[in-house]
């Protein structure tokens, strides 16, 4: 299985800035066989970057999409419109859940729509600080996993990537908390166990699981060496060229 390095640019970079950054990034990257570098620009930049990107070096992801393929849904972008433009889509990110009010029903439909349109869903799950304080981590992980995968068949589960992103460890400008490798390991074991209960041992082992939570060059190696972790989701550090390329190089060294 490849190691996935996913840079989520969130609401940063206009189209011109995104194009310049991508150009610089591609110049620094070789063609990796065992590292899948993915960048997720804002929706307005996806189409122009799709014409610029070297798909031998990296892939594009959407940060969000709507589960209907077409219709009267002003302001939305459908998975069918993104088909052939992006390879991945981030679904269920905590910011979508807690700022925009997406629930498990919405996320279930988005995962199904992604698979239907040949786009790999990156399903994000993770507990808040208060949920962790009340020892609800296991329940939240299981509930969000079961909710997101409700309509995913055994045949399709290998087409899904799971990203564990504890909300309390995400950088928001004020939060400096970090998840320890042991905490990440416990969550990954629970995710694998739940997947095994749903789809069987072999299928559970074939699902890629990523970690995201204030990932920097200083801690990326520690997270990438956690057993069962197949990659990382990078937020703020993915906007800084030197930090993002350092993280990619660390992933390469860990693979070696």
Foldseek 3Di string as FASTA:
>chain_A
DAFEEEEEADPDDDQVRVLVLQVVLVVPFDQDPRYEYEYEDAPVNQQVVLVVHDVSGYFYEHADFFLDLDDPDPPTHHLLNCQVRGQEYEAQDVCCCPVVPDDLQRLLSNCVSCVVRNHQYAYEFAEEPVCVVVVNGLVRLLVSVCSNCVPPDLVCLLSYAYEYEHNQQADDPPRPDHDALVNVLVSLVSQLVSCCVVRNNVSSLSHAYEYEGQDWLVCLLRNLPRPRHRYYYHYPLSSPSVGSVSSVVSNVVSVD
